[in-house]
Amino acid sequence: MKRRTIFVTAALAIGTIAITATIAMPRRLIWNASASVPVGLYAVHEVDQFRVGDLLAATPPPEIEEFLADGGYVPAGVPLIKHVAALPGQSVCRIGNTITVDMRVVGQARKLDSKDRPLPYWQRCLTLASQQIFLMNTAVPDSLDGRYFGPFDKADIVGRAAPIWTDDAGDGRYIWHGSDSPVAITQTQKGE
């Protein structure tokens, strides 16, 4: 092998290693198939601090995971992607079907799902403890979230979810979020 070839190969290898070491790699990738947030691919990064509005991936506790899997909502082992609606110290209430955070209505719960099956029900007011977080997609009325399950433990949080390639409008046009210039890709049926 010529010296120049060895030098170029070594430089490329070192450059690749250096770039890889400086890029923040996601903890995991999740394909979200539920409509509670746009369908698509999300990167999940570890996070220590949460803010209201953050989009997080969370592993449901066993009883919630069982309900979701048995009902065919989400397979066992698949994290949920939900927004932070309340943090420790905030007041969360479910009175009847009304959900409030700090006495401000943030949404309504339903009694039945789209197949007329009963949904989980809890009712009370509580101040979130230091290790609790309330997850709810307030913009999506039929999202299965804190309005049915109550607060999650912070230990259940996998990380912050960032969209990579999602169908934001729900029209089959996936948008690439990985750069400053989004790229739309249309999903087509066979034979189109």
N, C-alpha and C. Protein backbone atom coordinates (compact mmCIF):
# COMPACT_ATOMS: atom_id res chain seq x y z
N MET A 1 0.84 -1.17 0.00
CA MET A 1 0.00 0.00 0.00
C MET A 1 0.88 1.24 0.00
N LYS A 2 0.47 2.23 -0.72
CA LYS A 2 1.24 3.46 -0.79
C LYS A 2 1.05 4.27 0.49
N ARG A 3 2.07 5.06 0.81
CA ARG A 3 2.00 5.90 2.02
C ARG A 3 0.81 6.85 1.97
N ARG A 4 0.56 7.41 0.80
CA ARG A 4 -0.54 8.36 0.68
C ARG A 4 -1.88 7.68 1.00
N THR A 5 -2.10 6.48 0.52
CA THR A 5 -3.34 5.74 0.78
C THR A 5 -3.48 5.46 2.27
N ILE A 6 -2.39 5.05 2.90
CA ILE A 6 -2.41 4.79 4.34
C ILE A 6 -2.73 6.07 5.10
N PHE A 7 -2.09 7.17 4.71
CA PHE A 7 -2.32 8.45 5.37
C PHE A 7 -3.78 8.89 5.23
N VAL A 8 -4.34 8.82 4.03
CA VAL A 8 -5.73 9.24 3.79
C VAL A 8 -6.69 8.35 4.58
N THR A 9 -6.46 7.05 4.57
CA THR A 9 -7.32 6.12 5.31
C THR A 9 -7.27 6.42 6.80
N ALA A 10 -6.08 6.63 7.33
CA ALA A 10 -5.93 6.94 8.76
C ALA A 10 -6.61 8.27 9.10
N ALA A 11 -6.44 9.27 8.25
CA ALA A 11 -7.06 10.58 8.50
C ALA A 11 -8.58 10.47 8.49
N LEU A 12 -9.13 9.72 7.55
CA LEU A 12 -10.58 9.53 7.50
C LEU A 12 -11.08 8.79 8.74
N ALA A 13 -10.36 7.77 9.16
CA ALA A 13 -10.76 7.02 10.35
C ALA A 13 -10.73 7.91 11.59
N ILE A 14 -9.67 8.67 11.76
CA ILE A 14 -9.55 9.57 12.92
C ILE A 14 -10.64 10.64 12.87
N GLY A 15 -10.88 11.19 11.70
CA GLY A 15 -11.93 12.20 11.54
C GLY A 15 -13.30 11.66 11.88
N THR A 16 -13.60 10.45 11.42
CA THR A 16 -14.88 9.82 11.72
C THR A 16 -15.05 9.59 13.21
N ILE A 17 -14.01 9.10 13.86
CA ILE A 17 -14.06 8.87 15.31
C ILE A 17 -14.26 10.19 16.05
N ALA A 18 -13.54 11.23 15.65
CA ALA A 18 -13.65 12.54 16.31
C ALA A 18 -15.05 13.12 16.15
N ILE A 19 -15.61 13.04 14.95
CA ILE A 19 -16.95 13.57 14.72
C ILE A 19 -17.98 12.78 15.52
N THR A 20 -17.88 11.47 15.50
CA THR A 20 -18.81 10.63 16.24
C THR A 20 -18.75 10.92 17.74
N ALA A 21 -17.57 11.18 18.25
CA ALA A 21 -17.42 11.45 19.69
C ALA A 21 -18.00 12.79 20.09
N THR A 22 -18.08 13.73 19.17
CA THR A 22 -18.59 15.07 19.52
C THR A 22 -20.07 15.25 19.25
N ILE A 23 -20.69 14.35 18.52
CA ILE A 23 -22.12 14.46 18.22
C ILE A 23 -22.91 13.80 19.35
N ALA A 24 -23.94 14.48 19.82
CA ALA A 24 -24.81 13.92 20.86
C ALA A 24 -25.71 12.87 20.21
N MET A 25 -25.43 11.63 20.48
CA MET A 25 -26.20 10.54 19.90
C MET A 25 -27.43 10.28 20.77
N PRO A 26 -28.56 9.97 20.15
CA PRO A 26 -29.75 9.68 20.94
C PRO A 26 -29.58 8.40 21.74
N ARG A 27 -30.25 8.38 22.89
CA ARG A 27 -30.23 7.18 23.73
C ARG A 27 -30.90 6.03 23.00
N ARG A 28 -31.97 6.35 22.27
CA ARG A 28 -32.66 5.35 21.47
C ARG A 28 -33.52 6.04 20.44
N LEU A 29 -33.99 5.29 19.49
CA LEU A 29 -34.93 5.77 18.49
C LEU A 29 -36.26 5.07 18.73
N ILE A 30 -37.35 5.81 18.59
CA ILE A 30 -38.69 5.24 18.80
C ILE A 30 -39.55 5.59 17.60
N TRP A 31 -40.24 4.58 17.07
CA TRP A 31 -41.25 4.84 16.05
C TRP A 31 -42.58 4.97 16.78
N ASN A 32 -43.19 6.14 16.72
CA ASN A 32 -44.49 6.36 17.33
C ASN A 32 -45.57 6.08 16.30
N ALA A 33 -46.46 5.13 16.61
CA ALA A 33 -47.53 4.78 15.68
C ALA A 33 -48.89 5.29 16.15
N SER A 34 -48.95 5.89 17.34
CA SER A 34 -50.23 6.41 17.83
C SER A 34 -50.38 7.86 17.42
N ALA A 35 -51.62 8.32 17.32
CA ALA A 35 -51.88 9.68 16.85
C ALA A 35 -51.86 10.72 17.97
N SER A 36 -51.44 10.34 19.17
CA SER A 36 -51.43 11.33 20.26
C SER A 36 -50.32 12.36 20.08
N VAL A 37 -49.30 12.03 19.32
CA VAL A 37 -48.32 12.98 18.79
C VAL A 37 -48.11 12.54 17.34
N PRO A 38 -47.55 13.38 16.48
CA PRO A 38 -47.42 12.97 15.08
C PRO A 38 -46.73 11.60 14.92
N VAL A 39 -47.30 10.79 14.05
CA VAL A 39 -46.74 9.48 13.75
C VAL A 39 -45.36 9.69 13.13
N GLY A 40 -44.40 8.85 13.54
CA GLY A 40 -43.09 8.94 12.94
C GLY A 40 -41.96 8.56 13.87
N LEU A 41 -40.76 8.92 13.46
CA LEU A 41 -39.53 8.54 14.15
C LEU A 41 -39.07 9.66 15.08
N TYR A 42 -38.75 9.28 16.32
CA TYR A 42 -38.29 10.23 17.34
C TYR A 42 -36.96 9.76 17.91
N ALA A 43 -36.07 10.70 18.16
CA ALA A 43 -34.84 10.42 18.90
C ALA A 43 -35.12 10.73 20.36
N VAL A 44 -34.60 9.89 21.24
CA VAL A 44 -34.81 10.10 22.67
C VAL A 44 -33.45 10.33 23.32
N HIS A 45 -33.31 11.49 23.95
CA HIS A 45 -32.07 11.88 24.62
C HIS A 45 -32.30 11.93 26.12
N GLU A 46 -31.29 11.51 26.88
CA GLU A 46 -31.38 11.60 28.34
C GLU A 46 -31.56 13.04 28.75
N VAL A 47 -32.30 13.24 29.84
CA VAL A 47 -32.56 14.58 30.33
C VAL A 47 -32.70 14.52 31.85
N ASP A 48 -32.16 15.53 32.52
CA ASP A 48 -32.26 15.59 33.98
C ASP A 48 -33.37 16.52 34.44
N GLN A 49 -33.61 17.56 33.69
CA GLN A 49 -34.61 18.58 34.06
C GLN A 49 -35.75 18.55 33.06
N PHE A 50 -36.97 18.77 33.55
CA PHE A 50 -38.14 18.82 32.69
C PHE A 50 -38.80 20.18 32.81
N ARG A 51 -39.46 20.60 31.74
CA ARG A 51 -40.26 21.82 31.76
C ARG A 51 -41.65 21.47 31.24
N VAL A 52 -42.64 22.22 31.69
CA VAL A 52 -43.98 22.04 31.15
C VAL A 52 -43.90 22.27 29.64
N GLY A 53 -44.51 21.37 28.90
CA GLY A 53 -44.49 21.44 27.44
C GLY A 53 -43.47 20.53 26.80
N ASP A 54 -42.46 20.08 27.57
CA ASP A 54 -41.47 19.15 27.01
C ASP A 54 -42.16 17.88 26.51
N LEU A 55 -41.64 17.33 25.44
CA LEU A 55 -42.12 16.07 24.90
C LEU A 55 -41.19 14.97 25.41
N LEU A 56 -41.76 14.02 26.17
CA LEU A 56 -40.95 12.98 26.79
C LEU A 56 -41.40 11.60 26.36
N ALA A 57 -40.47 10.66 26.40
CA ALA A 57 -40.80 9.25 26.25
C ALA A 57 -40.80 8.66 27.65
N ALA A 58 -41.84 7.88 27.95
CA ALA A 58 -41.97 7.29 29.28
C ALA A 58 -42.37 5.83 29.18
N THR A 59 -41.78 5.02 30.04
CA THR A 59 -42.15 3.61 30.13
C THR A 59 -43.33 3.51 31.09
N PRO A 60 -44.47 3.00 30.63
CA PRO A 60 -45.61 2.93 31.54
C PRO A 60 -45.36 1.92 32.66
N PRO A 61 -45.88 2.21 33.87
CA PRO A 61 -45.79 1.22 34.95
C PRO A 61 -46.51 -0.06 34.54
N PRO A 62 -46.20 -1.20 35.18
CA PRO A 62 -46.74 -2.50 34.75
C PRO A 62 -48.26 -2.55 34.57
N GLU A 63 -49.02 -1.96 35.50
CA GLU A 63 -50.48 -2.04 35.37
C GLU A 63 -51.00 -1.24 34.17
N ILE A 64 -50.36 -0.12 33.88
CA ILE A 64 -50.75 0.68 32.71
C ILE A 64 -50.30 -0.03 31.43
N GLU A 65 -49.08 -0.56 31.45
CA GLU A 65 -48.57 -1.29 30.29
C GLU A 65 -49.48 -2.47 29.95
N GLU A 66 -49.95 -3.18 30.98
CA GLU A 66 -50.84 -4.32 30.76
C GLU A 66 -52.17 -3.85 30.15
N PHE A 67 -52.74 -2.77 30.67
CA PHE A 67 -53.98 -2.22 30.12
C PHE A 67 -53.80 -1.85 28.65
N LEU A 68 -52.72 -1.15 28.34
CA LEU A 68 -52.46 -0.71 26.96
C LEU A 68 -52.26 -1.89 26.02
N ALA A 69 -51.50 -2.90 26.46
CA ALA A 69 -51.22 -4.07 25.62
C ALA A 69 -52.48 -4.92 25.44
N ASP A 70 -53.20 -5.19 26.54
CA ASP A 70 -54.41 -6.02 26.46
C ASP A 70 -55.48 -5.37 25.59
N GLY A 71 -55.54 -4.04 25.61
CA GLY A 71 -56.54 -3.34 24.81
C GLY A 71 -56.11 -3.11 23.37
N GLY A 72 -54.87 -3.49 23.04
CA GLY A 72 -54.38 -3.30 21.68
C GLY A 72 -54.02 -1.86 21.35
N TYR A 73 -53.82 -1.03 22.38
CA TYR A 73 -53.45 0.37 22.16
C TYR A 73 -51.97 0.50 21.81
N VAL A 74 -51.12 -0.07 22.65
CA VAL A 74 -49.66 0.01 22.48
C VAL A 74 -49.08 -1.33 22.95
N PRO A 75 -48.20 -1.95 22.17
CA PRO A 75 -47.61 -3.23 22.61
C PRO A 75 -46.77 -3.06 23.88
N ALA A 76 -46.67 -4.13 24.65
CA ALA A 76 -45.83 -4.12 25.85
C ALA A 76 -44.40 -3.79 25.45
N GLY A 77 -43.73 -3.02 26.30
CA GLY A 77 -42.34 -2.66 26.06
C GLY A 77 -42.13 -1.42 25.21
N VAL A 78 -43.21 -0.84 24.70
CA VAL A 78 -43.09 0.36 23.86
C VAL A 78 -43.34 1.60 24.72
N PRO A 79 -42.40 2.53 24.76
CA PRO A 79 -42.61 3.75 25.55
C PRO A 79 -43.73 4.62 24.96
N LEU A 80 -44.35 5.39 25.83
CA LEU A 80 -45.35 6.37 25.41
C LEU A 80 -44.64 7.70 25.16
N ILE A 81 -45.15 8.49 24.24
CA ILE A 81 -44.60 9.82 24.00
C ILE A 81 -45.68 10.83 24.37
N LYS A 82 -45.40 11.61 25.40
CA LYS A 82 -46.39 12.55 25.96
C LYS A 82 -45.71 13.86 26.34
N HIS A 83 -46.52 14.91 26.42
CA HIS A 83 -46.03 16.22 26.87
C HIS A 83 -46.12 16.33 28.38
N VAL A 84 -45.23 17.10 28.97
CA VAL A 84 -45.28 17.41 30.39
C VAL A 84 -46.38 18.45 30.58
N ALA A 85 -47.37 18.12 31.43
CA ALA A 85 -48.45 19.06 31.72
C ALA A 85 -48.29 19.68 33.10
N ALA A 86 -47.59 18.98 34.01
CA ALA A 86 -47.39 19.51 35.36
C ALA A 86 -46.15 18.88 35.98
N LEU A 87 -45.52 19.65 36.87
CA LEU A 87 -44.26 19.27 37.52
C LEU A 87 -44.46 19.18 39.03
N PRO A 88 -43.46 18.66 39.76
CA PRO A 88 -43.56 18.58 41.21
C PRO A 88 -43.95 19.94 41.81
N GLY A 89 -44.87 19.87 42.78
CA GLY A 89 -45.35 21.08 43.45
C GLY A 89 -46.61 21.65 42.83
N GLN A 90 -46.93 21.26 41.62
CA GLN A 90 -48.15 21.75 40.98
C GLN A 90 -49.33 20.87 41.39
N SER A 91 -50.51 21.46 41.39
CA SER A 91 -51.74 20.77 41.75
C SER A 91 -52.39 20.20 40.49
N VAL A 92 -52.75 18.92 40.55
CA VAL A 92 -53.43 18.25 39.44
C VAL A 92 -54.72 17.65 39.98
N CYS A 93 -55.82 17.88 39.29
CA CYS A 93 -57.11 17.33 39.71
C CYS A 93 -57.82 16.66 38.54
N ARG A 94 -58.52 15.60 38.87
CA ARG A 94 -59.54 15.07 37.96
C ARG A 94 -60.82 15.06 38.77
N ILE A 95 -61.74 15.90 38.36
CA ILE A 95 -63.05 15.99 39.00
C ILE A 95 -64.06 15.66 37.92
N GLY A 96 -64.72 14.52 38.07
CA GLY A 96 -65.57 14.02 36.98
C GLY A 96 -64.67 13.71 35.81
N ASN A 97 -64.93 14.35 34.69
CA ASN A 97 -64.09 14.14 33.50
C ASN A 97 -63.18 15.32 33.21
N THR A 98 -63.18 16.32 34.10
CA THR A 98 -62.39 17.53 33.89
C THR A 98 -61.02 17.40 34.55
N ILE A 99 -59.99 17.71 33.78
CA ILE A 99 -58.61 17.68 34.28
C ILE A 99 -58.15 19.13 34.45
N THR A 100 -57.60 19.43 35.64
CA THR A 100 -57.06 20.77 35.88
C THR A 100 -55.62 20.68 36.37
N VAL A 101 -54.86 21.70 36.05
CA VAL A 101 -53.51 21.89 36.59
C VAL A 101 -53.51 23.28 37.21
N ASP A 102 -53.21 23.34 38.50
CA ASP A 102 -53.23 24.61 39.23
C ASP A 102 -54.55 25.35 39.01
N MET A 103 -55.65 24.60 39.10
CA MET A 103 -57.04 25.10 39.00
C MET A 103 -57.38 25.65 37.61
N ARG A 104 -56.57 25.35 36.60
CA ARG A 104 -56.84 25.77 35.23
C ARG A 104 -57.19 24.52 34.42
N VAL A 105 -58.34 24.53 33.76
CA VAL A 105 -58.78 23.38 32.97
C VAL A 105 -57.81 23.17 31.81
N VAL A 106 -57.28 21.93 31.71
CA VAL A 106 -56.35 21.60 30.63
C VAL A 106 -56.91 20.53 29.69
N GLY A 107 -58.04 19.94 30.05
CA GLY A 107 -58.61 18.94 29.17
C GLY A 107 -59.74 18.17 29.82
N GLN A 108 -60.32 17.30 29.02
CA GLN A 108 -61.41 16.44 29.44
C GLN A 108 -61.02 14.99 29.21
N ALA A 109 -61.47 14.14 30.11
CA ALA A 109 -61.30 12.70 29.94
C ALA A 109 -62.59 12.14 29.34
N ARG A 110 -62.48 11.03 28.70
CA ARG A 110 -63.64 10.34 28.14
C ARG A 110 -63.94 9.12 28.99
N LYS A 111 -65.17 8.68 28.96
CA LYS A 111 -65.55 7.48 29.71
C LYS A 111 -65.24 6.22 28.90
N LEU A 112 -65.36 6.32 27.58
CA LEU A 112 -65.19 5.17 26.69
C LEU A 112 -64.20 5.50 25.58
N ASP A 113 -63.51 4.47 25.09
CA ASP A 113 -62.62 4.68 23.95
C ASP A 113 -63.42 4.61 22.65
N SER A 114 -62.76 4.66 21.52
CA SER A 114 -63.45 4.68 20.22
C SER A 114 -64.18 3.37 19.92
N LYS A 115 -63.89 2.32 20.68
CA LYS A 115 -64.58 1.03 20.50
C LYS A 115 -65.59 0.79 21.62
N ASP A 116 -65.96 1.86 22.32
CA ASP A 116 -66.93 1.82 23.42
C ASP A 116 -66.50 0.95 24.60
N ARG A 117 -65.18 0.85 24.81
CA ARG A 117 -64.65 0.14 25.98
C ARG A 117 -64.37 1.16 27.08
N PRO A 118 -64.62 0.79 28.34
CA PRO A 118 -64.37 1.74 29.44
C PRO A 118 -62.88 2.05 29.58
N LEU A 119 -62.61 3.32 29.86
CA LEU A 119 -61.24 3.78 30.08
C LEU A 119 -60.97 3.88 31.58
N PRO A 120 -59.70 3.77 31.98
CA PRO A 120 -59.36 3.88 33.41
C PRO A 120 -59.86 5.21 33.98
N TYR A 121 -60.21 5.15 35.25
CA TYR A 121 -60.81 6.31 35.91
C TYR A 121 -60.13 6.54 37.25
N TRP A 122 -59.73 7.75 37.49
CA TRP A 122 -59.24 8.15 38.81
C TRP A 122 -59.87 9.50 39.11
N GLN A 123 -60.06 9.79 40.36
CA GLN A 123 -60.65 11.08 40.72
C GLN A 123 -60.07 11.53 42.04
N ARG A 124 -59.45 12.69 42.02
CA ARG A 124 -58.94 13.34 43.23
C ARG A 124 -58.14 14.56 42.83
N CYS A 125 -57.74 15.31 43.81
CA CYS A 125 -56.80 16.42 43.63
C CYS A 125 -55.54 16.07 44.38
N LEU A 126 -54.40 16.37 43.81
CA LEU A 126 -53.14 16.09 44.49
C LEU A 126 -52.10 17.11 44.09
N THR A 127 -51.17 17.33 44.99
CA THR A 127 -49.99 18.14 44.67
C THR A 127 -48.90 17.16 44.31
N LEU A 128 -48.32 17.31 43.13
CA LEU A 128 -47.31 16.35 42.68
C LEU A 128 -46.11 16.37 43.61
N ALA A 129 -45.70 15.17 44.03
CA ALA A 129 -44.54 15.00 44.90
C ALA A 129 -43.26 15.22 44.09
N SER A 130 -42.14 15.26 44.78
CA SER A 130 -40.86 15.59 44.13
C SER A 130 -40.46 14.61 43.04
N GLN A 131 -40.96 13.38 43.08
CA GLN A 131 -40.60 12.39 42.06
C GLN A 131 -41.74 12.10 41.09
N GLN A 132 -42.77 12.97 41.07
CA GLN A 132 -43.91 12.76 40.18
C GLN A 132 -43.93 13.80 39.07
N ILE A 133 -44.53 13.40 37.95
CA ILE A 133 -44.68 14.27 36.79
C ILE A 133 -46.01 13.89 36.14
N PHE A 134 -46.73 14.88 35.65
CA PHE A 134 -48.03 14.62 35.02
C PHE A 134 -47.88 14.80 33.52
N LEU A 135 -48.15 13.73 32.78
CA LEU A 135 -47.99 13.72 31.32
C LEU A 135 -49.36 13.74 30.66
N MET A 136 -49.55 14.69 29.75
CA MET A 136 -50.84 14.80 29.07
C MET A 136 -50.66 15.57 27.77
N ASN A 137 -51.18 15.01 26.70
CA ASN A 137 -51.17 15.70 25.41
C ASN A 137 -52.45 16.51 25.31
N THR A 138 -52.41 17.72 25.84
CA THR A 138 -53.62 18.54 25.97
C THR A 138 -54.26 18.88 24.63
N ALA A 139 -53.51 18.90 23.56
CA ALA A 139 -54.04 19.25 22.24
C ALA A 139 -54.75 18.08 21.55
N VAL A 140 -54.67 16.89 22.14
CA VAL A 140 -55.25 15.70 21.52
C VAL A 140 -56.29 15.12 22.48
N PRO A 141 -57.59 15.36 22.22
CA PRO A 141 -58.63 14.97 23.17
C PRO A 141 -58.73 13.47 23.46
N ASP A 142 -58.29 12.62 22.53
CA ASP A 142 -58.42 11.18 22.77
C ASP A 142 -57.08 10.51 23.09
N SER A 143 -56.09 11.28 23.50
CA SER A 143 -54.80 10.71 23.89
C SER A 143 -54.95 9.93 25.20
N LEU A 144 -54.36 8.74 25.24
CA LEU A 144 -54.33 7.96 26.49
C LEU A 144 -53.13 8.45 27.28
N ASP A 145 -53.38 9.17 28.36
CA ASP A 145 -52.31 9.82 29.10
C ASP A 145 -52.71 10.01 30.55
N GLY A 146 -52.16 11.02 31.20
CA GLY A 146 -52.42 11.26 32.61
C GLY A 146 -53.87 11.44 32.96
N ARG A 147 -54.68 11.87 32.01
CA ARG A 147 -56.11 12.04 32.32
C ARG A 147 -56.75 10.71 32.71
N TYR A 148 -56.13 9.59 32.32
CA TYR A 148 -56.64 8.25 32.67
C TYR A 148 -55.74 7.53 33.67
N PHE A 149 -54.46 7.85 33.69
CA PHE A 149 -53.51 7.10 34.49
C PHE A 149 -52.99 7.85 35.71
N GLY A 150 -53.26 9.16 35.79
CA GLY A 150 -52.71 9.94 36.89
C GLY A 150 -51.24 10.24 36.64
N PRO A 151 -50.52 10.66 37.69
CA PRO A 151 -49.12 11.03 37.50
C PRO A 151 -48.21 9.82 37.26
N PHE A 152 -47.11 10.07 36.60
CA PHE A 152 -46.04 9.08 36.41
C PHE A 152 -44.92 9.40 37.39
N ASP A 153 -44.12 8.40 37.68
CA ASP A 153 -42.92 8.60 38.49
C ASP A 153 -41.80 9.07 37.55
N LYS A 154 -40.96 9.97 38.03
CA LYS A 154 -39.85 10.45 37.20
C LYS A 154 -38.94 9.31 36.75
N ALA A 155 -38.87 8.24 37.54
CA ALA A 155 -38.04 7.09 37.18
C ALA A 155 -38.54 6.40 35.91
N ASP A 156 -39.81 6.64 35.54
CA ASP A 156 -40.38 6.04 34.33
C ASP A 156 -40.02 6.81 33.06
N ILE A 157 -39.39 7.97 33.21
CA ILE A 157 -39.06 8.79 32.05
C ILE A 157 -37.80 8.24 31.38
N VAL A 158 -37.91 7.94 30.09
CA VAL A 158 -36.78 7.44 29.30
C VAL A 158 -35.91 8.61 28.86
N GLY A 159 -36.55 9.72 28.45
CA GLY A 159 -35.81 10.89 28.00
C GLY A 159 -36.68 11.84 27.21
N ARG A 160 -36.08 12.91 26.72
CA ARG A 160 -36.79 13.89 25.91
C ARG A 160 -36.87 13.36 24.48
N ALA A 161 -38.07 13.42 23.91
CA ALA A 161 -38.29 12.94 22.55
C ALA A 161 -38.23 14.10 21.57
N ALA A 162 -37.45 13.94 20.52
CA ALA A 162 -37.32 14.96 19.48
C ALA A 162 -37.71 14.35 18.15
N PRO A 163 -38.65 14.97 17.42
CA PRO A 163 -39.04 14.41 16.13
C PRO A 163 -37.89 14.42 15.14
N ILE A 164 -37.77 13.33 14.40
CA ILE A 164 -36.77 13.23 13.34
C ILE A 164 -37.46 13.22 11.98
N TRP A 165 -38.46 12.36 11.84
CA TRP A 165 -39.17 12.18 10.58
C TRP A 165 -40.61 11.87 10.92
N THR A 166 -41.51 12.86 10.80
CA THR A 166 -42.88 12.68 11.28
C THR A 166 -43.91 13.18 10.26
N ASP A 167 -45.10 12.64 10.40
CA ASP A 167 -46.26 13.04 9.60
C ASP A 167 -47.05 14.06 10.41
N ASP A 168 -46.57 15.29 10.45
CA ASP A 168 -47.13 16.32 11.32
C ASP A 168 -48.60 16.63 11.02
N ALA A 169 -48.99 16.62 9.77
CA ALA A 169 -50.36 16.97 9.40
C ALA A 169 -51.28 15.75 9.34
N GLY A 170 -50.73 14.55 9.50
CA GLY A 170 -51.54 13.34 9.43
C GLY A 170 -52.04 13.03 8.02
N ASP A 171 -51.32 13.53 7.02
CA ASP A 171 -51.75 13.35 5.63
C ASP A 171 -50.85 12.41 4.82
N GLY A 172 -49.96 11.70 5.51
CA GLY A 172 -49.06 10.78 4.81
C GLY A 172 -47.81 11.44 4.27
N ARG A 173 -47.64 12.74 4.52
CA ARG A 173 -46.43 13.45 4.07
C ARG A 173 -45.50 13.58 5.26
N TYR A 174 -44.46 12.79 5.28
CA TYR A 174 -43.50 12.80 6.38
C TYR A 174 -42.50 13.93 6.19
N ILE A 175 -42.22 14.63 7.26
CA ILE A 175 -41.31 15.77 7.24
C ILE A 175 -40.03 15.41 7.98
N TRP A 176 -38.90 15.67 7.36
CA TRP A 176 -37.59 15.45 7.98
C TRP A 176 -37.27 16.65 8.85
N HIS A 177 -37.03 16.42 10.15
CA HIS A 177 -36.73 17.49 11.10
C HIS A 177 -35.25 17.56 11.43
N GLY A 178 -34.43 16.79 10.75
CA GLY A 178 -33.02 16.70 11.09
C GLY A 178 -32.15 17.81 10.56
N SER A 179 -32.71 18.78 9.84
CA SER A 179 -31.91 19.88 9.31
C SER A 179 -32.76 21.14 9.28
N ASP A 180 -32.15 22.25 8.89
CA ASP A 180 -32.88 23.51 8.81
C ASP A 180 -33.87 23.54 7.65
N SER A 181 -33.67 22.71 6.65
CA SER A 181 -34.58 22.70 5.51
C SER A 181 -35.35 21.39 5.49
N PRO A 182 -36.63 21.42 5.96
CA PRO A 182 -37.42 20.19 6.00
C PRO A 182 -37.61 19.59 4.61
N VAL A 183 -37.63 18.28 4.57
CA VAL A 183 -37.84 17.54 3.33
C VAL A 183 -39.13 16.76 3.49
N ALA A 184 -40.08 16.94 2.60
CA ALA A 184 -41.35 16.21 2.67
C ALA A 184 -41.26 14.97 1.80
N ILE A 185 -41.72 13.86 2.35
CA ILE A 185 -41.76 12.60 1.62
C ILE A 185 -43.18 12.08 1.71
N THR A 186 -43.81 11.82 0.58
CA THR A 186 -45.19 11.37 0.57
C THR A 186 -45.23 9.86 0.58
N GLN A 187 -46.05 9.33 1.49
CA GLN A 187 -46.25 7.89 1.58
C GLN A 187 -47.28 7.52 0.52
N THR A 188 -47.01 6.50 -0.29
CA THR A 188 -47.95 6.11 -1.33
C THR A 188 -48.37 4.67 -1.14
N GLN A 189 -49.52 4.34 -1.68
CA GLN A 189 -50.03 2.98 -1.67
C GLN A 189 -49.41 2.23 -2.85
N LYS A 190 -49.35 0.92 -2.75
CA LYS A 190 -48.86 0.11 -3.87
C LYS A 190 -49.76 0.33 -5.08
N GLY A 191 -49.18 0.49 -6.22
CA GLY A 191 -49.96 0.67 -7.44
C GLY A 191 -50.24 2.12 -7.78
N GLU A 192 -49.88 3.06 -6.89
CA GLU A 192 -50.11 4.48 -7.20
C GLU A 192 -49.01 5.01 -8.08
